Amino acid sequence: ADVGISMLGTDAAMEASDIVLMDNNISKIKTAIKISKKTINIAYQNI
């Protein structure tokens, strides 16, 4: 996948993924997307 997200499951899944949700809370995906968009906005603002 362009970006792989794993729950706190098997070692193989966590090793292969790009993002790991450390407490198995699937709603953290919303938080991750919001953080990523805010980060990009701040980077553009800085440039």
PDB file of all heavy atoms in Angstrom:
ATOM      1  N   ALA A   1       0.836  -1.207   0.000  1.00  0.00           N
ATOM      2  CA  ALA A   1       0.000   0.000   0.000  1.00  0.00           C
ATOM      3  C   ALA A   1       0.870   1.256   0.000  1.00  0.00           C
ATOM      4  O   ALA A   1       2.031   1.227   0.409  1.00  0.00           O
ATOM      5  CB  ALA A   1      -0.914  -0.013   1.224  1.00  0.00           C
ATOM      6  N   ASP A   2       0.305   2.376  -0.474  1.00  0.00           N
ATOM      7  CA  ASP A   2       1.044   3.642  -0.436  1.00  0.00           C
ATOM      8  C   ASP A   2       1.431   3.972   0.998  1.00  0.00           C
ATOM      9  O   ASP A   2       2.518   4.466   1.266  1.00  0.00           O
ATOM     10  CB  ASP A   2       0.178   4.778  -1.017  1.00  0.00           C
ATOM     11  CG  ASP A   2      -0.083   4.577  -2.501  1.00  0.00           C
ATOM     12  OD1 ASP A   2       0.851   4.169  -3.205  1.00  0.00           O
ATOM     13  OD2 ASP A   2      -1.221   4.815  -2.944  1.00  0.00           O
ATOM     14  N   VAL A   3       0.505   3.694   1.913  1.00  0.00           N
ATOM     15  CA  VAL A   3       0.828   3.802   3.348  1.00  0.00           C
ATOM     16  C   VAL A   3       0.113   2.660   4.066  1.00  0.00           C
ATOM     17  O   VAL A   3      -1.093   2.484   3.935  1.00  0.00           O
ATOM     18  CB  VAL A   3       0.464   5.201   3.933  1.00  0.00           C
ATOM     19  CG1 VAL A   3      -1.004   5.533   3.755  1.00  0.00           C
ATOM     20  CG2 VAL A   3       0.841   5.304   5.398  1.00  0.00           C
ATOM     21  N   GLY A   4       0.898   1.848   4.785  1.00  0.00           N
ATOM     22  CA  GLY A   4       0.351   0.705   5.517  1.00  0.00           C
ATOM     23  C   GLY A   4       0.226   1.047   6.990  1.00  0.00           C
ATOM     24  O   GLY A   4       1.178   1.538   7.597  1.00  0.00           O
ATOM     25  N   ILE A   5      -0.950   0.779   7.563  1.00  0.00           N
ATOM     26  CA  ILE A   5      -1.198   1.071   8.983  1.00  0.00           C
ATOM     27  C   ILE A   5      -1.540  -0.246   9.675  1.00  0.00           C
ATOM     28  O   ILE A   5      -2.425  -0.968   9.231  1.00  0.00           O
ATOM     29  CB  ILE A   5      -2.364   2.067   9.155  1.00  0.00           C
ATOM     30  CG1 ILE A   5      -2.071   3.362   8.393  1.00  0.00           C
ATOM     31  CG2 ILE A   5      -2.625   2.359  10.625  1.00  0.00           C
ATOM     32  CD1 ILE A   5      -3.232   4.344   8.342  1.00  0.00           C
ATOM     33  N   SER A   6      -0.816  -0.563  10.743  1.00  0.00           N
ATOM     34  CA  SER A   6      -1.103  -1.817  11.441  1.00  0.00           C
ATOM     35  C   SER A   6      -1.599  -1.547  12.844  1.00  0.00           C
ATOM     36  O   SER A   6      -1.218  -0.562  13.481  1.00  0.00           O
ATOM     37  CB  SER A   6       0.136  -2.725  11.484  1.00  0.00           C
ATOM     38  OG  SER A   6       1.093  -2.200  12.367  1.00  0.00           O
ATOM     39  N   MET A   7      -2.462  -2.446  13.297  1.00  0.00           N
ATOM     40  CA  MET A   7      -2.857  -2.453  14.700  1.00  0.00           C
ATOM     41  C   MET A   7      -1.702  -3.104  15.455  1.00  0.00           C
ATOM     42  O   MET A   7      -0.765  -3.623  14.852  1.00  0.00           O
ATOM     43  CB  MET A   7      -4.136  -3.280  14.889  1.00  0.00           C
ATOM     44  CG  MET A   7      -5.255  -2.931  13.937  1.00  0.00           C
ATOM     45  SD  MET A   7      -5.926  -1.296  14.212  1.00  0.00           S
ATOM     46  CE  MET A   7      -7.063  -1.623  15.535  1.00  0.00           C
ATOM     47  N   LEU A   8      -1.787  -3.104  16.783  1.00  0.00           N
ATOM     48  CA  LEU A   8      -0.744  -3.731  17.593  1.00  0.00           C
ATOM     49  C   LEU A   8      -0.985  -5.238  17.551  1.00  0.00           C
ATOM     50  O   LEU A   8      -1.544  -5.819  18.476  1.00  0.00           O
ATOM     51  CB  LEU A   8      -0.819  -3.195  19.024  1.00  0.00           C
ATOM     52  CG  LEU A   8       0.425  -3.354  19.883  1.00  0.00           C
ATOM     53  CD1 LEU A   8       1.608  -2.646  19.258  1.00  0.00           C
ATOM     54  CD2 LEU A   8       0.173  -2.797  21.271  1.00  0.00           C
ATOM     55  N   GLY A   9      -0.583  -5.876  16.442  1.00  0.00           N
ATOM     56  CA  GLY A   9      -0.858  -7.301  16.240  1.00  0.00           C
ATOM     57  C   GLY A   9       0.428  -8.104  16.151  1.00  0.00           C
ATOM     58  O   GLY A   9       1.249  -8.078  17.060  1.00  0.00           O
ATOM     59  N   THR A  10       0.619  -8.777  15.021  1.00  0.00           N
ATOM     60  CA  THR A  10       1.810  -9.622  14.866  1.00  0.00           C
ATOM     61  C   THR A  10       3.037  -8.763  14.535  1.00  0.00           C
ATOM     62  O   THR A  10       2.927  -7.674  13.979  1.00  0.00           O
ATOM     63  CB  THR A  10       1.598 -10.631  13.718  1.00  0.00           C
ATOM     64  OG1 THR A  10       1.394  -9.904  12.503  1.00  0.00           O
ATOM     65  CG2 THR A  10       0.402 -11.529  13.980  1.00  0.00           C
ATOM     66  N   ASP A  11       4.212  -9.303  14.853  1.00  0.00           N
ATOM     67  CA  ASP A  11       5.477  -8.607  14.566  1.00  0.00           C
ATOM     68  C   ASP A  11       5.624  -8.346  13.076  1.00  0.00           C
ATOM     69  O   ASP A  11       6.108  -7.286  12.671  1.00  0.00           O
ATOM     70  CB  ASP A  11       6.672  -9.449  15.046  1.00  0.00           C
ATOM     71  CG  ASP A  11       6.788  -9.433  16.562  1.00  0.00           C
ATOM     72  OD1 ASP A  11       6.100  -8.601  17.182  1.00  0.00           O
ATOM     73  OD2 ASP A  11       7.535 -10.243  17.114  1.00  0.00           O
ATOM     74  N   ALA A  12       5.199  -9.327  12.257  1.00  0.00           N
ATOM     75  CA  ALA A  12       5.362  -9.188  10.795  1.00  0.00           C
ATOM     76  C   ALA A  12       4.551  -8.009  10.270  1.00  0.00           C
ATOM     77  O   ALA A  12       5.035  -7.231   9.439  1.00  0.00           O
ATOM     78  CB  ALA A  12       4.923 -10.479  10.098  1.00  0.00           C
ATOM     79  N   ALA A  13       3.315  -7.860  10.757  1.00  0.00           N
ATOM     80  CA  ALA A  13       2.462  -6.746  10.319  1.00  0.00           C
ATOM     81  C   ALA A  13       3.047  -5.411  10.760  1.00  0.00           C
ATOM     82  O   ALA A  13       3.097  -4.449   9.996  1.00  0.00           O
ATOM     83  CB  ALA A  13       1.048  -6.920  10.881  1.00  0.00           C
ATOM     84  N   MET A  14       3.530  -5.355  12.002  1.00  0.00           N
ATOM     85  CA  MET A  14       4.091  -4.101  12.527  1.00  0.00           C
ATOM     86  C   MET A  14       5.381  -3.727  11.799  1.00  0.00           C
ATOM     87  O   MET A  14       5.668  -2.558  11.585  1.00  0.00           O
ATOM     88  CB  MET A  14       4.338  -4.225  14.030  1.00  0.00           C
ATOM     89  CG  MET A  14       3.040  -4.254  14.832  1.00  0.00           C
ATOM     90  SD  MET A  14       3.301  -4.741  16.543  1.00  0.00           S
ATOM     91  CE  MET A  14       4.243  -3.340  17.140  1.00  0.00           C
ATOM     92  N   GLU A  15       6.154  -4.746  11.430  1.00  0.00           N
ATOM     93  CA  GLU A  15       7.418  -4.504  10.709  1.00  0.00           C
ATOM     94  C   GLU A  15       7.148  -3.998   9.292  1.00  0.00           C
ATOM     95  O   GLU A  15       7.844  -3.131   8.780  1.00  0.00           O
ATOM     96  CB  GLU A  15       8.210  -5.823  10.650  1.00  0.00           C
ATOM     97  CG  GLU A  15       9.657  -5.661  10.251  1.00  0.00           C
ATOM     98  CD  GLU A  15      10.513  -4.991  11.309  1.00  0.00           C
ATOM     99  OE1 GLU A  15      10.287  -5.200  12.508  1.00  0.00           O
ATOM    100  OE2 GLU A  15      11.406  -4.226  10.906  1.00  0.00           O
ATOM    101  N   ALA A  16       6.101  -4.551   8.649  1.00  0.00           N
ATOM    102  CA  ALA A  16       5.803  -4.206   7.252  1.00  0.00           C
ATOM    103  C   ALA A  16       5.068  -2.883   7.111  1.00  0.00           C
ATOM    104  O   ALA A  16       5.081  -2.272   6.046  1.00  0.00           O
ATOM    105  CB  ALA A  16       4.970  -5.322   6.613  1.00  0.00           C
ATOM    106  N   SER A  17       4.423  -2.423   8.196  1.00  0.00           N
ATOM    107  CA  SER A  17       3.609  -1.208   8.093  1.00  0.00           C
ATOM    108  C   SER A  17       4.457   0.059   8.232  1.00  0.00           C
ATOM    109  O   SER A  17       5.592   0.021   8.691  1.00  0.00           O
ATOM    110  CB  SER A  17       2.523  -1.226   9.172  1.00  0.00           C
ATOM    111  OG  SER A  17       3.115  -1.242  10.452  1.00  0.00           O
ATOM    112  N   ASP A  18       3.863   1.175   7.824  1.00  0.00           N
ATOM    113  CA  ASP A  18       4.529   2.486   7.895  1.00  0.00           C
ATOM    114  C   ASP A  18       4.081   3.266   9.129  1.00  0.00           C
ATOM    115  O   ASP A  18       4.782   4.150   9.599  1.00  0.00           O
ATOM    116  CB  ASP A  18       4.201   3.303   6.635  1.00  0.00           C
ATOM    117  CG  ASP A  18       4.478   2.502   5.368  1.00  0.00           C
ATOM    118  OD1 ASP A  18       5.580   1.951   5.264  1.00  0.00           O
ATOM    119  OD2 ASP A  18       3.579   2.402   4.513  1.00  0.00           O
ATOM    120  N   ILE A  19       2.883   2.928   9.608  1.00  0.00           N
ATOM    121  CA  ILE A  19       2.316   3.581  10.800  1.00  0.00           C
ATOM    122  C   ILE A  19       1.728   2.481  11.688  1.00  0.00           C
ATOM    123  O   ILE A  19       1.085   1.559  11.190  1.00  0.00           O
ATOM    124  CB  ILE A  19       1.208   4.592  10.397  1.00  0.00           C
ATOM    125  CG1 ILE A  19       1.804   5.720   9.544  1.00  0.00           C
ATOM    126  CG2 ILE A  19       0.508   5.164  11.624  1.00  0.00           C
ATOM    127  CD1 ILE A  19       0.777   6.661   8.929  1.00  0.00           C
ATOM    128  N   VAL A  20       1.980   2.559  13.006  1.00  0.00           N
ATOM    129  CA  VAL A  20       1.443   1.564  13.941  1.00  0.00           C
ATOM    130  C   VAL A  20       0.562   2.271  14.976  1.00  0.00           C
ATOM    131  O   VAL A  20       0.991   3.261  15.572  1.00  0.00           O
ATOM    132  CB  VAL A  20       2.576   0.796  14.674  1.00  0.00           C
ATOM    133  CG1 VAL A  20       1.984  -0.283  15.584  1.00  0.00           C
ATOM    134  CG2 VAL A  20       3.561   0.176  13.681  1.00  0.00           C
ATOM    135  N   LEU A  21      -0.668   1.767  15.160  1.00  0.00           N
ATOM    136  CA  LEU A  21      -1.565   2.276  16.205  1.00  0.00           C
ATOM    137  C   LEU A  21      -1.259   1.493  17.478  1.00  0.00           C
ATOM    138  O   LEU A  21      -1.623   0.329  17.604  1.00  0.00           O
ATOM    139  CB  LEU A  21      -3.034   2.101  15.796  1.00  0.00           C
ATOM    140  CG  LEU A  21      -3.438   2.710  14.446  1.00  0.00           C
ATOM    141  CD1 LEU A  21      -4.923   2.481  14.189  1.00  0.00           C
ATOM    142  CD2 LEU A  21      -3.119   4.192  14.378  1.00  0.00           C
ATOM    143  N   MET A  22      -0.572   2.138  18.413  1.00  0.00           N
ATOM    144  CA  MET A  22       0.005   1.425  19.548  1.00  0.00           C
ATOM    145  C   MET A  22      -1.021   0.914  20.560  1.00  0.00           C
ATOM    146  O   MET A  22      -0.717   0.062  21.362  1.00  0.00           O
ATOM    147  CB  MET A  22       1.024   2.318  20.274  1.00  0.00           C
ATOM    148  CG  MET A  22       2.210   2.731  19.416  1.00  0.00           C
ATOM    149  SD  MET A  22       3.130   1.338  18.732  1.00  0.00           S
ATOM    150  CE  MET A  22       3.904   0.690  20.198  1.00  0.00           C
ATOM    151  N   ASP A  23      -2.243   1.441  20.560  1.00  0.00           N
ATOM    152  CA  ASP A  23      -3.230   0.981  21.540  1.00  0.00           C
ATOM    153  C   ASP A  23      -4.455   0.326  20.892  1.00  0.00           C
ATOM    154  O   ASP A  23      -5.494   0.168  21.530  1.00  0.00           O
ATOM    155  CB  ASP A  23      -3.659   2.130  22.462  1.00  0.00           C
ATOM    156  CG  ASP A  23      -4.216   3.316  21.675  1.00  0.00           C
ATOM    157  OD1 ASP A  23      -4.307   3.210  20.441  1.00  0.00           O
ATOM    158  OD2 ASP A  23      -4.563   4.337  22.298  1.00  0.00           O
ATOM    159  N   ASN A  24      -4.320  -0.059  19.616  1.00  0.00           N
ATOM    160  CA  ASN A  24      -5.396  -0.776  18.903  1.00  0.00           C
ATOM    161  C   ASN A  24      -6.712  -0.019  18.844  1.00  0.00           C
ATOM    162  O   ASN A  24      -7.771  -0.623  18.702  1.00  0.00           O
ATOM    163  CB  ASN A  24      -5.636  -2.158  19.532  1.00  0.00           C
ATOM    164  CG  ASN A  24      -4.665  -3.191  18.990  1.00  0.00           C
ATOM    165  OD1 ASN A  24      -3.951  -2.930  18.033  1.00  0.00           O
ATOM    166  ND2 ASN A  24      -4.623  -4.347  19.600  1.00  0.00           N
ATOM    167  N   ASN A  25      -6.642   1.297  18.958  1.00  0.00           N
ATOM    168  CA  ASN A  25      -7.855   2.113  18.850  1.00  0.00           C
ATOM    169  C   ASN A  25      -7.983   2.586  17.401  1.00  0.00           C
ATOM    170  O   ASN A  25      -7.255   3.463  16.958  1.00  0.00           O
ATOM    171  CB  ASN A  25      -7.745   3.307  19.810  1.00  0.00           C
ATOM    172  CG  ASN A  25      -8.998   4.156  19.804  1.00  0.00           C
ATOM    173  OD1 ASN A  25      -9.888   3.983  18.964  1.00  0.00           O
ATOM    174  ND2 ASN A  25      -9.079   5.076  20.740  1.00  0.00           N
ATOM    175  N   ILE A  26      -8.929   1.993  16.674  1.00  0.00           N
ATOM    176  CA  ILE A  26      -9.046   2.252  15.235  1.00  0.00           C
ATOM    177  C   ILE A  26      -9.417   3.709  14.931  1.00  0.00           C
ATOM    178  O   ILE A  26      -9.084   4.233  13.867  1.00  0.00           O
ATOM    179  CB  ILE A  26     -10.052   1.263  14.586  1.00  0.00           C
ATOM    180  CG1 ILE A  26      -9.841   1.201  13.067  1.00  0.00           C
ATOM    181  CG2 ILE A  26     -11.479   1.594  14.948  1.00  0.00           C
ATOM    182  CD1 ILE A  26     -10.578   0.085  12.392  1.00  0.00           C
ATOM    183  N   SER A  27     -10.066   4.376  15.893  1.00  0.00           N
ATOM    184  CA  SER A  27     -10.445   5.776  15.655  1.00  0.00           C
ATOM    185  C   SER A  27      -9.221   6.698  15.608  1.00  0.00           C
ATOM    186  O   SER A  27      -9.321   7.849  15.187  1.00  0.00           O
ATOM    187  CB  SER A  27     -11.426   6.261  16.720  1.00  0.00           C
ATOM    188  OG  SER A  27     -10.804   6.320  17.979  1.00  0.00           O
ATOM    189  N   LYS A  28      -8.050   6.173  16.029  1.00  0.00           N
ATOM    190  CA  LYS A  28      -6.811   6.975  15.963  1.00  0.00           C
ATOM    191  C   LYS A  28      -6.430   7.295  14.507  1.00  0.00           C
ATOM    192  O   LYS A  28      -5.587   8.145  14.259  1.00  0.00           O
ATOM    193  CB  LYS A  28      -5.661   6.221  16.640  1.00  0.00           C
ATOM    194  CG  LYS A  28      -5.774   6.160  18.167  1.00  0.00           C
ATOM    195  CD  LYS A  28      -5.376   7.477  18.810  1.00  0.00           C
ATOM    196  CE  LYS A  28      -5.571   7.474  20.307  1.00  0.00           C
ATOM    197  NZ  LYS A  28      -4.545   6.757  21.042  1.00  0.00           N
ATOM    198  N   ILE A  29      -7.041   6.567  13.556  1.00  0.00           N
ATOM    199  CA  ILE A  29      -6.786   6.873  12.136  1.00  0.00           C
ATOM    200  C   ILE A  29      -7.227   8.298  11.829  1.00  0.00           C
ATOM    201  O   ILE A  29      -6.557   9.027  11.095  1.00  0.00           O
ATOM    202  CB  ILE A  29      -7.517   5.850  11.222  1.00  0.00           C
ATOM    203  CG1 ILE A  29      -6.818   4.501  11.329  1.00  0.00           C
ATOM    204  CG2 ILE A  29      -7.531   6.324   9.762  1.00  0.00           C
ATOM    205  CD1 ILE A  29      -7.534   3.365  10.661  1.00  0.00           C
ATOM    206  N   LYS A  30      -8.367   8.704  12.398  1.00  0.00           N
ATOM    207  CA  LYS A  30      -8.836  10.098  12.217  1.00  0.00           C
ATOM    208  C   LYS A  30      -7.781  11.070  12.729  1.00  0.00           C
ATOM    209  O   LYS A  30      -7.449  12.048  12.070  1.00  0.00           O
ATOM    210  CB  LYS A  30     -10.134  10.333  13.022  1.00  0.00           C
ATOM    211  CG  LYS A  30     -11.367   9.718  12.453  1.00  0.00           C
ATOM    212  CD  LYS A  30     -12.627  10.301  13.077  1.00  0.00           C
ATOM    213  CE  LYS A  30     -12.736  10.011  14.544  1.00  0.00           C
ATOM    214  NZ  LYS A  30     -14.002  10.472  15.141  1.00  0.00           N
ATOM    215  N   THR A  31      -7.251  10.786  13.929  1.00  0.00           N
ATOM    216  CA  THR A  31      -6.228  11.645  14.539  1.00  0.00           C
ATOM    217  C   THR A  31      -4.993  11.706  13.649  1.00  0.00           C
ATOM    218  O   THR A  31      -4.426  12.783  13.426  1.00  0.00           O
ATOM    219  CB  THR A  31      -5.839  11.096  15.937  1.00  0.00           C
ATOM    220  OG1 THR A  31      -7.033  10.838  16.673  1.00  0.00           O
ATOM    221  CG2 THR A  31      -4.958  12.057  16.687  1.00  0.00           C
ATOM    222  N   ALA A  32      -4.582  10.536  13.117  1.00  0.00           N
ATOM    223  CA  ALA A  32      -3.384  10.471  12.265  1.00  0.00           C
ATOM    224  C   ALA A  32      -3.561  11.315  11.002  1.00  0.00           C
ATOM    225  O   ALA A  32      -2.652  12.051  10.593  1.00  0.00           O
ATOM    226  CB  ALA A  32      -3.086   9.020  11.891  1.00  0.00           C
ATOM    227  N   ILE A  33      -4.757  11.235  10.386  1.00  0.00           N
ATOM    228  CA  ILE A  33      -5.024  12.014   9.170  1.00  0.00           C
ATOM    229  C   ILE A  33      -5.020  13.510   9.484  1.00  0.00           C
ATOM    230  O   ILE A  33      -4.426  14.309   8.749  1.00  0.00           O
ATOM    231  CB  ILE A  33      -6.362  11.586   8.521  1.00  0.00           C
ATOM    232  CG1 ILE A  33      -6.260  10.156   7.977  1.00  0.00           C
ATOM    233  CG2 ILE A  33      -6.768  12.542   7.399  1.00  0.00           C
ATOM    234  CD1 ILE A  33      -7.564   9.548   7.516  1.00  0.00           C
ATOM    235  N   LYS A  34      -5.646  13.880  10.613  1.00  0.00           N
ATOM    236  CA  LYS A  34      -5.679  15.301  11.003  1.00  0.00           C
ATOM    237  C   LYS A  34      -4.272  15.831  11.272  1.00  0.00           C
ATOM    238  O   LYS A  34      -3.913  16.931  10.848  1.00  0.00           O
ATOM    239  CB  LYS A  34      -6.561  15.478  12.247  1.00  0.00           C
ATOM    240  CG  LYS A  34      -8.055  15.373  11.966  1.00  0.00           C
ATOM    241  CD  LYS A  34      -8.860  15.436  13.262  1.00  0.00           C
ATOM    242  CE  LYS A  34     -10.349  15.276  13.004  1.00  0.00           C
ATOM    243  NZ  LYS A  34     -11.115  15.221  14.254  1.00  0.00           N
ATOM    244  N   ILE A  35      -3.447  15.030  11.972  1.00  0.00           N
ATOM    245  CA  ILE A  35      -2.057  15.436  12.265  1.00  0.00           C
ATOM    246  C   ILE A  35      -1.275  15.594  10.968  1.00  0.00           C
ATOM    247  O   ILE A  35      -0.523  16.555  10.795  1.00  0.00           O
ATOM    248  CB  ILE A  35      -1.372  14.420  13.205  1.00  0.00           C
ATOM    249  CG1 ILE A  35      -1.931  14.554  14.623  1.00  0.00           C
ATOM    250  CG2 ILE A  35       0.156  14.612  13.223  1.00  0.00           C
ATOM    251  CD1 ILE A  35      -1.485  13.476  15.595  1.00  0.00           C
ATOM    252  N   SER A  36      -1.458  14.650  10.032  1.00  0.00           N
ATOM    253  CA  SER A  36      -0.709  14.703   8.762  1.00  0.00           C
ATOM    254  C   SER A  36      -1.072  15.962   7.971  1.00  0.00           C
ATOM    255  O   SER A  36      -0.193  16.649   7.448  1.00  0.00           O
ATOM    256  CB  SER A  36      -0.971  13.450   7.920  1.00  0.00           C
ATOM    257  OG  SER A  36      -2.307  13.416   7.459  1.00  0.00           O
ATOM    258  N   LYS A  37      -2.371  16.286   7.924  1.00  0.00           N
ATOM    259  CA  LYS A  37      -2.805  17.477   7.163  1.00  0.00           C
ATOM    260  C   LYS A  37      -2.315  18.763   7.830  1.00  0.00           C
ATOM    261  O   LYS A  37      -1.885  19.695   7.146  1.00  0.00           O
ATOM    262  CB  LYS A  37      -4.331  17.480   7.020  1.00  0.00           C
ATOM    263  CG  LYS A  37      -4.805  16.377   6.081  1.00  0.00           C
ATOM    264  CD  LYS A  37      -6.260  16.486   5.715  1.00  0.00           C
ATOM    265  CE  LYS A  37      -6.578  15.476   4.615  1.00  0.00           C
ATOM    266  NZ  LYS A  37      -7.975  15.456   4.252  1.00  0.00           N
ATOM    267  N   LYS A  38      -2.366  18.783   9.169  1.00  0.00           N
ATOM    268  CA  LYS A  38      -1.899  19.970   9.889  1.00  0.00           C
ATOM    269  C   LYS A  38      -0.393  20.149   9.681  1.00  0.00           C
ATOM    270  O   LYS A  38       0.094  21.268   9.503  1.00  0.00           O
ATOM    271  CB  LYS A  38      -2.226  19.830  11.379  1.00  0.00           C
ATOM    272  CG  LYS A  38      -1.942  21.111  12.163  1.00  0.00           C
ATOM    273  CD  LYS A  38      -2.472  21.051  13.579  1.00  0.00           C
ATOM    274  CE  LYS A  38      -2.210  22.364  14.297  1.00  0.00           C
ATOM    275  NZ  LYS A  38      -2.688  22.353  15.676  1.00  0.00           N
ATOM    276  N   THR A  39       0.349  19.030   9.701  1.00  0.00           N
ATOM    277  CA  THR A  39       1.806  19.079   9.505  1.00  0.00           C
ATOM    278  C   THR A  39       2.147  19.649   8.133  1.00  0.00           C
ATOM    279  O   THR A  39       3.025  20.505   8.012  1.00  0.00           O
ATOM    280  CB  THR A  39       2.413  17.667   9.659  1.00  0.00           C
ATOM    281  OG1 THR A  39       2.070  17.156  10.950  1.00  0.00           O
ATOM    282  CG2 THR A  39       3.923  17.687   9.512  1.00  0.00           C
ATOM    283  N   ILE A  40       1.450  19.170   7.100  1.00  0.00           N
ATOM    284  CA  ILE A  40       1.694  19.658   5.737  1.00  0.00           C
ATOM    285  C   ILE A  40       1.382  21.152   5.651  1.00  0.00           C
ATOM    286  O   ILE A  40       2.146  21.924   5.054  1.00  0.00           O
ATOM    287  CB  ILE A  40       0.839  18.868   4.705  1.00  0.00           C
ATOM    288  CG1 ILE A  40       1.196  17.384   4.710  1.00  0.00           C
ATOM    289  CG2 ILE A  40       1.022  19.447   3.295  1.00  0.00           C
ATOM    290  CD1 ILE A  40       2.631  17.041   4.400  1.00  0.00           C
ATOM    291  N   ASN A  41       0.267  21.569   6.261  1.00  0.00           N
ATOM    292  CA  ASN A  41      -0.098  22.998   6.259  1.00  0.00           C
ATOM    293  C   ASN A  41       0.976  23.852   6.921  1.00  0.00           C
ATOM    294  O   ASN A  41       1.343  24.913   6.412  1.00  0.00           O
ATOM    295  CB  ASN A  41      -1.439  23.206   6.982  1.00  0.00           C
ATOM    296  CG  ASN A  41      -2.609  22.749   6.141  1.00  0.00           C
ATOM    297  OD1 ASN A  41      -2.491  22.643   4.918  1.00  0.00           O
ATOM    298  ND2 ASN A  41      -3.732  22.462   6.760  1.00  0.00           N
ATOM    299  N   ILE A  42       1.491  23.375   8.057  1.00  0.00           N
ATOM    300  CA  ILE A  42       2.536  24.125   8.765  1.00  0.00           C
ATOM    301  C   ILE A  42       3.815  24.185   7.931  1.00  0.00           C
ATOM    302  O   ILE A  42       4.478  25.229   7.866  1.00  0.00           O
ATOM    303  CB  ILE A  42       2.794  23.507  10.160  1.00  0.00           C
ATOM    304  CG1 ILE A  42       1.587  23.770  11.064  1.00  0.00           C
ATOM    305  CG2 ILE A  42       4.062  24.085  10.799  1.00  0.00           C
ATOM    306  CD1 ILE A  42       1.593  23.015  12.376  1.00  0.00           C
ATOM    307  N   ALA A  43       4.157  23.072   7.265  1.00  0.00           N
ATOM    308  CA  ALA A  43       5.354  23.060   6.400  1.00  0.00           C
ATOM    309  C   ALA A  43       5.207  24.094   5.281  1.00  0.00           C
ATOM    310  O   ALA A  43       6.149  24.853   4.996  1.00  0.00           O
ATOM    311  CB  ALA A  43       5.561  21.667   5.821  1.00  0.00           C
ATOM    312  N   TYR A  44       4.010  24.141   4.646  1.00  0.00           N
ATOM    313  CA  TYR A  44       3.763  25.137   3.587  1.00  0.00           C
ATOM    314  C   TYR A  44       3.839  26.561   4.140  1.00  0.00           C
ATOM    315  O   TYR A  44       4.422  27.447   3.524  1.00  0.00           O
ATOM    316  CB  TYR A  44       2.388  24.910   2.946  1.00  0.00           C
ATOM    317  CG  TYR A  44       2.371  23.869   1.866  1.00  0.00           C
ATOM    318  CD1 TYR A  44       1.442  22.822   1.873  1.00  0.00           C
ATOM    319  CD2 TYR A  44       3.274  23.928   0.802  1.00  0.00           C
ATOM    320  CE1 TYR A  44       1.431  21.860   0.877  1.00  0.00           C
ATOM    321  CE2 TYR A  44       3.268  22.970  -0.196  1.00  0.00           C
ATOM    322  CZ  TYR A  44       2.348  21.938  -0.154  1.00  0.00           C
ATOM    323  OH  TYR A  44       2.342  20.997  -1.145  1.00  0.00           O
ATOM    324  N   GLN A  45       3.231  26.762   5.321  1.00  0.00           N
ATOM    325  CA  GLN A  45       3.280  28.094   5.951  1.00  0.00           C
ATOM    326  C   GLN A  45       4.735  28.519   6.170  1.00  0.00           C
ATOM    327  O   GLN A  45       5.100  29.664   5.897  1.00  0.00           O
ATOM    328  CB  GLN A  45       2.552  28.062   7.300  1.00  0.00           C
ATOM    329  CG  GLN A  45       1.040  28.040   7.195  1.00  0.00           C
ATOM    330  CD  GLN A  45       0.392  27.760   8.544  1.00  0.00           C
ATOM    331  OE1 GLN A  45       0.973  28.045   9.584  1.00  0.00           O
ATOM    332  NE2 GLN A  45      -0.798  27.192   8.521  1.00  0.00           N
ATOM    333  N   ASN A  46       5.544  27.583   6.682  1.00  0.00           N
ATOM    334  CA  ASN A  46       6.949  27.893   6.957  1.00  0.00           C
ATOM    335  C   ASN A  46       7.710  28.253   5.681  1.00  0.00           C
ATOM    336  O   ASN A  46       8.525  29.186   5.674  1.00  0.00           O
ATOM    337  CB  ASN A  46       7.628  26.716   7.661  1.00  0.00           C
ATOM    338  CG  ASN A  46       7.215  26.595   9.119  1.00  0.00           C
ATOM    339  OD1 ASN A  46       6.585  27.497   9.661  1.00  0.00           O
ATOM    340  ND2 ASN A  46       7.563  25.495   9.743  1.00  0.00           N
ATOM    341  N   ILE A  47       7.457  27.490   4.603  1.00  0.00           N
ATOM    342  CA  ILE A  47       8.136  27.761   3.328  1.00  0.00           C
ATOM    343  C   ILE A  47       7.754  29.145   2.806  1.00  0.00           C
ATOM    344  O   ILE A  47       8.621  29.965   2.469  1.00  0.00           O
ATOM    345  CB  ILE A  47       7.796  26.667   2.281  1.00  0.00           C
ATOM    346  CG1 ILE A  47       8.425  25.322   2.678  1.00  0.00           C
ATOM    347  CG2 ILE A  47       8.274  27.065   0.888  1.00  0.00           C
ATOM    348  CD1 ILE A  47       7.919  24.128   1.881  1.00  0.00           C
TER     349      ILE A  47
END
